Amino acid sequence: MAAEVVGQVAPAERGATRIADRVIAKIAARAAREALRSLPEEAAPPHATVSVHRDAARVRVSLELDYPSDIGGQCGAVRRHVAERVQALAGMDVPEVAVQVERLHSAQTRAAAQGRTR
């Protein structure tokens, strides 16, 4: 058995690394943006809020999407990608990712607005 080095602290007693909620929220927002193929020109970037308890993060992502599109498919892709990226980058489990679609941007409305002159 190896001799214990005097003055060295055991791994379990060294402390812990804590990642701030806002950092996890930024990771989640960036991951949501990565998951979407494209965003409408006038859309705000995705925004995330996070609730962290121990090593688990519950995430709520708010975003804007084009319409018509596969809204369910896009929300599913965002959920999967956000959970994967938070796990990979922060080492936290993500049992819940809630996606909230704040606004839909219609291509018809955009085309009609571009055709108007004052």
Protein backbone atom coordinates (compact mmCIF):
# COMPACT_ATOMS: atom_id res chain seq x y z
CA MET A 1 0.00 0.00 0.00
CA ALA A 2 1.37 3.43 -0.87
CA ALA A 3 2.20 5.83 1.91
CA GLU A 4 -0.13 8.78 2.31
CA VAL A 5 1.47 12.10 1.42
CA VAL A 6 1.43 14.56 4.30
CA GLY A 7 -0.47 17.77 3.53
CA GLN A 8 -2.46 16.36 0.61
CA VAL A 9 -6.25 16.67 0.89
CA ALA A 10 -8.39 13.67 0.04
CA PRO A 11 -10.44 14.06 -3.17
CA ALA A 12 -13.76 13.90 -1.31
CA GLU A 13 -12.74 16.80 0.91
CA ARG A 14 -11.40 19.18 -1.75
CA GLY A 15 -14.69 20.90 -2.43
CA ALA A 16 -17.01 21.15 -5.37
CA THR A 17 -17.37 23.10 -8.56
CA ARG A 18 -20.60 25.07 -8.81
CA ILE A 19 -21.80 26.35 -12.16
CA ALA A 20 -24.05 29.41 -11.98
CA ASP A 21 -27.63 29.13 -13.24
CA ARG A 22 -27.04 31.94 -15.72
CA VAL A 23 -24.20 29.97 -17.31
CA ILE A 24 -26.46 26.95 -17.78
CA ALA A 25 -29.12 29.29 -19.23
CA LYS A 26 -26.62 30.65 -21.77
CA ILE A 27 -25.59 27.13 -22.76
CA ALA A 28 -29.26 26.19 -23.20
CA ALA A 29 -30.08 29.30 -25.27
CA ARG A 30 -27.10 28.70 -27.53
CA ALA A 31 -28.03 25.04 -27.93
CA ALA A 32 -31.60 26.03 -28.87
CA ARG A 33 -30.21 28.32 -31.58
CA GLU A 34 -27.99 25.50 -32.87
CA ALA A 35 -30.96 23.11 -33.04
CA LEU A 36 -33.02 25.42 -35.26
CA ARG A 37 -32.06 25.36 -38.91
CA SER A 38 -33.10 28.94 -39.42
CA LEU A 39 -34.79 31.72 -37.54
CA PRO A 40 -37.02 34.39 -39.02
CA GLU A 41 -35.11 37.60 -39.76
CA GLU A 42 -37.12 39.65 -37.28
CA ALA A 43 -37.13 36.96 -34.57
CA ALA A 44 -35.51 37.52 -31.21
CA PRO A 45 -32.84 34.98 -30.33
CA PRO A 46 -33.89 32.08 -28.09
CA HIS A 47 -33.93 32.83 -24.37
CA ALA A 48 -33.59 30.27 -21.57
CA THR A 49 -34.27 30.20 -17.85
CA VAL A 50 -32.95 27.44 -15.62
CA SER A 51 -33.66 25.97 -12.23
CA VAL A 52 -30.75 23.93 -10.87
CA HIS A 53 -31.08 21.53 -7.94
CA ARG A 54 -27.96 19.50 -7.09
CA ASP A 55 -26.78 18.00 -10.39
CA ALA A 56 -30.03 18.40 -12.33
CA ALA A 57 -31.18 21.37 -14.40
CA ARG A 58 -34.76 22.06 -15.43
CA VAL A 59 -34.75 24.30 -18.49
CA ARG A 60 -37.38 26.54 -20.08
CA VAL A 61 -36.57 27.85 -23.56
CA SER A 62 -38.57 30.64 -25.22
CA LEU A 63 -38.23 31.09 -28.97
CA GLU A 64 -39.87 32.42 -32.12
CA LEU A 65 -40.49 30.29 -35.21
CA ASP A 66 -41.46 30.64 -38.85
CA TYR A 67 -45.00 29.71 -39.84
CA PRO A 68 -45.97 27.47 -41.57
CA SER A 69 -43.43 24.89 -40.38
CA ASP A 70 -43.21 21.67 -38.40
CA ILE A 71 -43.53 23.31 -34.99
CA GLY A 72 -43.66 20.03 -33.06
CA GLY A 73 -40.61 18.69 -34.86
CA GLN A 74 -38.62 21.85 -34.22
CA CYS A 75 -39.58 21.89 -30.52
CA GLY A 76 -38.57 18.23 -30.20
CA ALA A 77 -35.20 18.93 -31.82
CA VAL A 78 -34.64 21.85 -29.45
CA ARG A 79 -35.49 19.68 -26.42
CA ARG A 80 -33.09 16.92 -27.44
CA HIS A 81 -30.22 19.22 -28.38
CA VAL A 82 -30.50 21.39 -25.26
CA ALA A 83 -30.47 18.32 -23.00
CA GLU A 84 -27.44 16.87 -24.82
CA ARG A 85 -25.42 20.10 -24.76
CA VAL A 86 -26.09 20.92 -21.11
CA GLN A 87 -25.12 17.36 -20.19
CA ALA A 88 -21.96 17.50 -22.29
CA LEU A 89 -20.77 20.98 -21.31
CA ALA A 90 -21.92 21.26 -17.68
CA GLY A 91 -22.17 17.62 -16.65
CA MET A 92 -25.74 18.07 -15.40
CA ASP A 93 -28.72 15.83 -15.96
CA VAL A 94 -31.62 17.55 -17.70
CA PRO A 95 -34.85 15.76 -16.78
CA GLU A 96 -37.05 18.48 -18.27
CA VAL A 97 -36.78 20.93 -21.16
CA ALA A 98 -39.91 23.01 -21.68
CA VAL A 99 -40.10 24.82 -25.01
CA GLN A 100 -42.35 27.86 -25.20
CA VAL A 101 -43.09 29.32 -28.62
CA GLU A 102 -43.49 33.04 -27.99
CA ARG A 103 -44.38 34.09 -31.53
CA LEU A 104 -44.91 32.70 -35.00
CA HIS A 105 -43.66 34.71 -37.97
CA SER A 106 -45.78 34.21 -41.06
CA ALA A 107 -44.12 34.34 -44.48
CA GLN A 108 -47.37 35.75 -45.95
CA THR A 109 -47.45 38.62 -43.45
CA ARG A 110 -43.81 39.42 -44.18
CA ALA A 111 -44.43 39.44 -47.92
CA ALA A 112 -47.48 41.67 -47.54
CA ALA A 113 -45.57 44.10 -45.31
CA GLN A 114 -42.71 44.35 -47.83
CA GLY A 115 -45.15 45.16 -50.62
CA ARG A 116 -46.66 48.12 -48.76
CA THR A 117 -45.39 51.63 -49.32
CA ARG A 118 -46.13 54.78 -47.40
